[in-house]
N, C-alpha and C. Protein backbone atom coordinates (compact mmCIF):
# COMPACT_ATOMS: atom_id res chain seq x y z
N MET A 1 -246.59 118.78 62.74
CA MET A 1 -245.51 118.21 63.49
C MET A 1 -245.47 116.71 63.23
N PHE A 2 -244.30 116.20 63.04
CA PHE A 2 -244.10 114.76 62.80
C PHE A 2 -243.21 114.24 63.92
N GLU A 3 -243.79 113.36 64.71
CA GLU A 3 -243.08 112.88 65.88
C GLU A 3 -243.40 111.42 66.11
N PRO A 4 -242.38 110.60 66.36
CA PRO A 4 -242.65 109.21 66.68
C PRO A 4 -243.37 109.13 68.02
N ILE A 5 -244.35 108.27 68.11
CA ILE A 5 -245.10 108.10 69.34
C ILE A 5 -244.63 106.82 70.04
N GLY A 6 -244.57 106.88 71.31
CA GLY A 6 -244.18 105.70 72.07
C GLY A 6 -243.62 106.08 73.43
N GLY A 7 -243.47 107.36 73.66
CA GLY A 7 -242.95 107.80 74.94
C GLY A 7 -241.44 107.76 74.99
N SER A 8 -240.91 108.33 76.03
CA SER A 8 -239.46 108.33 76.20
C SER A 8 -239.04 107.09 76.98
N ALA A 9 -237.81 106.73 76.83
CA ALA A 9 -237.29 105.56 77.53
C ALA A 9 -235.89 105.88 78.03
N PRO A 10 -235.76 106.83 78.96
CA PRO A 10 -234.44 107.25 79.40
C PRO A 10 -233.61 106.12 80.00
N LYS A 11 -234.27 105.09 80.52
CA LYS A 11 -233.49 103.98 81.11
C LYS A 11 -232.71 103.20 80.06
N TYR A 12 -233.05 103.38 78.77
CA TYR A 12 -232.34 102.68 77.70
C TYR A 12 -231.28 103.54 77.02
N THR A 13 -231.10 104.77 77.49
CA THR A 13 -230.12 105.68 76.89
C THR A 13 -228.74 105.03 76.83
N GLY A 14 -228.15 105.10 75.65
CA GLY A 14 -226.80 104.59 75.45
C GLY A 14 -226.68 103.09 75.34
N GLN A 15 -227.78 102.36 75.36
CA GLN A 15 -227.72 100.90 75.31
C GLN A 15 -227.84 100.34 73.89
N ASN A 16 -228.22 101.17 72.93
CA ASN A 16 -228.30 100.76 71.53
C ASN A 16 -229.30 99.62 71.31
N ILE A 17 -230.44 99.69 72.05
CA ILE A 17 -231.42 98.61 71.95
C ILE A 17 -232.83 99.09 71.58
N ILE A 18 -233.01 100.36 71.35
CA ILE A 18 -234.33 100.90 71.04
C ILE A 18 -234.58 100.82 69.54
N ASN A 19 -235.76 100.40 69.17
CA ASN A 19 -236.13 100.29 67.76
C ASN A 19 -236.45 101.69 67.21
N PRO A 20 -235.67 102.18 66.23
CA PRO A 20 -235.85 103.54 65.71
C PRO A 20 -236.87 103.65 64.57
N MET A 21 -237.61 102.58 64.28
CA MET A 21 -238.49 102.61 63.11
C MET A 21 -239.61 103.64 63.22
N ALA A 22 -240.07 103.95 64.42
CA ALA A 22 -241.10 104.99 64.55
C ALA A 22 -240.55 106.34 64.11
N ALA A 23 -239.31 106.62 64.46
CA ALA A 23 -238.69 107.88 64.05
C ALA A 23 -238.49 107.92 62.53
N VAL A 24 -238.07 106.81 61.96
CA VAL A 24 -237.90 106.74 60.51
C VAL A 24 -239.26 106.90 59.83
N GLY A 25 -240.29 106.28 60.39
CA GLY A 25 -241.63 106.40 59.84
C GLY A 25 -242.15 107.83 59.89
N ALA A 26 -241.81 108.56 60.94
CA ALA A 26 -242.21 109.96 61.04
C ALA A 26 -241.57 110.78 59.92
N VAL A 27 -240.32 110.49 59.62
CA VAL A 27 -239.64 111.17 58.51
C VAL A 27 -240.32 110.83 57.19
N GLN A 28 -240.68 109.57 57.02
CA GLN A 28 -241.35 109.15 55.79
C GLN A 28 -242.67 109.89 55.61
N MET A 29 -243.44 110.01 56.67
CA MET A 29 -244.72 110.73 56.60
C MET A 29 -244.51 112.21 56.30
N MET A 30 -243.49 112.80 56.91
CA MET A 30 -243.19 114.21 56.67
C MET A 30 -242.85 114.44 55.19
N LEU A 31 -242.01 113.58 54.64
CA LEU A 31 -241.65 113.71 53.23
C LEU A 31 -242.89 113.63 52.34
N ASP A 32 -243.78 112.71 52.65
CA ASP A 32 -244.99 112.55 51.87
C ASP A 32 -245.86 113.80 51.93
N VAL A 33 -246.07 114.33 53.11
CA VAL A 33 -246.90 115.53 53.27
C VAL A 33 -246.27 116.74 52.59
N LEU A 34 -244.95 116.80 52.58
CA LEU A 34 -244.26 117.91 51.93
C LEU A 34 -244.21 117.77 50.41
N GLY A 35 -244.79 116.70 49.89
CA GLY A 35 -244.84 116.51 48.45
C GLY A 35 -243.65 115.77 47.88
N GLU A 36 -242.79 115.29 48.74
CA GLU A 36 -241.61 114.53 48.30
C GLU A 36 -241.97 113.06 48.24
N ARG A 37 -242.90 112.74 47.36
CA ARG A 37 -243.46 111.39 47.32
C ARG A 37 -242.44 110.32 46.88
N LYS A 38 -241.57 110.67 45.97
CA LYS A 38 -240.56 109.70 45.54
C LYS A 38 -239.63 109.35 46.71
N ALA A 39 -239.18 110.36 47.43
CA ALA A 39 -238.30 110.13 48.58
C ALA A 39 -239.06 109.35 49.66
N ALA A 40 -240.33 109.72 49.91
CA ALA A 40 -241.14 109.02 50.90
C ALA A 40 -241.30 107.56 50.53
N GLY A 41 -241.49 107.29 49.26
CA GLY A 41 -241.62 105.91 48.80
C GLY A 41 -240.35 105.12 49.00
N LYS A 42 -239.21 105.75 48.77
CA LYS A 42 -237.93 105.07 48.98
C LYS A 42 -237.72 104.73 50.44
N VAL A 43 -238.07 105.67 51.33
CA VAL A 43 -237.93 105.41 52.76
C VAL A 43 -238.87 104.28 53.18
N GLU A 44 -240.10 104.30 52.68
CA GLU A 44 -241.06 103.26 53.04
C GLU A 44 -240.57 101.88 52.58
N GLU A 45 -240.07 101.79 51.38
CA GLU A 45 -239.57 100.50 50.87
C GLU A 45 -238.36 100.05 51.68
N ALA A 46 -237.49 100.98 52.04
CA ALA A 46 -236.32 100.64 52.85
C ALA A 46 -236.75 100.13 54.22
N MET A 47 -237.76 100.75 54.79
CA MET A 47 -238.29 100.30 56.09
C MET A 47 -238.82 98.87 55.98
N LYS A 48 -239.56 98.59 54.93
CA LYS A 48 -240.13 97.25 54.74
C LYS A 48 -239.03 96.20 54.68
N LYS A 49 -237.97 96.50 53.92
CA LYS A 49 -236.86 95.54 53.80
C LYS A 49 -236.19 95.29 55.14
N THR A 50 -236.02 96.35 55.91
CA THR A 50 -235.38 96.22 57.21
C THR A 50 -236.26 95.46 58.18
N ILE A 51 -237.55 95.76 58.19
CA ILE A 51 -238.47 95.08 59.10
C ILE A 51 -238.49 93.57 58.85
N LEU A 52 -238.36 93.18 57.59
CA LEU A 52 -238.34 91.75 57.28
C LEU A 52 -237.14 91.05 57.90
N LYS A 53 -236.08 91.79 58.17
CA LYS A 53 -234.88 91.20 58.78
C LYS A 53 -234.99 91.05 60.29
N MET A 54 -235.89 91.80 60.89
CA MET A 54 -236.00 91.78 62.35
C MET A 54 -236.74 90.52 62.81
N LYS A 55 -236.29 89.97 63.90
CA LYS A 55 -236.91 88.76 64.44
C LYS A 55 -238.07 89.10 65.37
N ASP A 56 -237.94 90.16 66.13
CA ASP A 56 -238.95 90.54 67.12
C ASP A 56 -238.85 92.04 67.30
N MET A 57 -239.99 92.73 67.34
CA MET A 57 -239.98 94.19 67.42
C MET A 57 -239.82 94.73 68.84
N GLY A 58 -239.69 93.89 69.84
CA GLY A 58 -239.54 94.36 71.21
C GLY A 58 -238.17 94.95 71.48
N ALA A 59 -238.08 95.83 72.45
CA ALA A 59 -236.82 96.47 72.81
C ALA A 59 -235.77 95.41 73.16
N GLY A 60 -234.65 95.47 72.50
CA GLY A 60 -233.56 94.54 72.76
C GLY A 60 -233.75 93.17 72.16
N LYS A 61 -234.88 92.93 71.50
CA LYS A 61 -235.17 91.60 70.96
C LYS A 61 -235.46 91.66 69.47
N MET A 62 -235.10 92.75 68.82
CA MET A 62 -235.46 92.89 67.42
C MET A 62 -234.44 92.23 66.49
N GLY A 63 -233.39 91.66 67.07
CA GLY A 63 -232.40 90.98 66.27
C GLY A 63 -231.34 91.91 65.70
N MET A 64 -231.50 93.21 65.92
CA MET A 64 -230.55 94.21 65.42
C MET A 64 -230.47 95.32 66.47
N SER A 65 -229.33 95.97 66.54
CA SER A 65 -229.20 97.11 67.45
C SER A 65 -229.85 98.34 66.81
N THR A 66 -230.02 99.39 67.59
CA THR A 66 -230.57 100.65 67.08
C THR A 66 -229.74 101.13 65.89
N THR A 67 -228.44 101.12 66.05
CA THR A 67 -227.53 101.56 64.99
C THR A 67 -227.65 100.69 63.76
N GLU A 68 -227.72 99.39 63.95
CA GLU A 68 -227.84 98.48 62.81
C GLU A 68 -229.13 98.70 62.05
N VAL A 69 -230.22 98.96 62.77
CA VAL A 69 -231.50 99.22 62.10
C VAL A 69 -231.38 100.49 61.26
N GLY A 70 -230.87 101.56 61.86
CA GLY A 70 -230.72 102.82 61.13
C GLY A 70 -229.82 102.67 59.91
N ASP A 71 -228.71 101.99 60.10
CA ASP A 71 -227.78 101.77 58.98
C ASP A 71 -228.43 100.93 57.88
N ASP A 72 -229.19 99.93 58.28
CA ASP A 72 -229.83 99.06 57.29
C ASP A 72 -230.86 99.84 56.47
N VAL A 73 -231.67 100.65 57.14
CA VAL A 73 -232.65 101.47 56.41
C VAL A 73 -231.91 102.39 55.44
N ALA A 74 -230.87 103.06 55.92
CA ALA A 74 -230.12 103.97 55.05
C ALA A 74 -229.52 103.24 53.86
N ASN A 75 -228.94 102.07 54.10
CA ASN A 75 -228.36 101.29 53.01
C ASN A 75 -229.41 100.84 52.01
N ASN A 76 -230.61 100.53 52.50
CA ASN A 76 -231.69 100.11 51.59
C ASN A 76 -232.20 101.27 50.76
N ILE A 77 -232.09 102.48 51.24
CA ILE A 77 -232.49 103.65 50.45
C ILE A 77 -231.52 103.88 49.31
N VAL A 78 -230.26 103.66 49.56
CA VAL A 78 -229.21 103.88 48.56
C VAL A 78 -229.32 102.89 47.42
N LYS A 79 -229.76 101.68 47.72
CA LYS A 79 -229.83 100.62 46.70
C LYS A 79 -230.87 100.92 45.66
């Protein structure tokens, strides 16, 4: 099972302020374990590029919204 750890945060539902990198990292680990090493490497590199853009990893203070983080990681994979 691949699951981001950090607990639930129902009070933040719909606020677009939660950092989704743990969930993206869980996908990266799953790809690696499944033998999709090239895809896992692309996700990892995309995560690194996105993390460099963030100012602070705290909820609501990362410098990007949840959607922006997800979009940025996805865009970095395509490049």
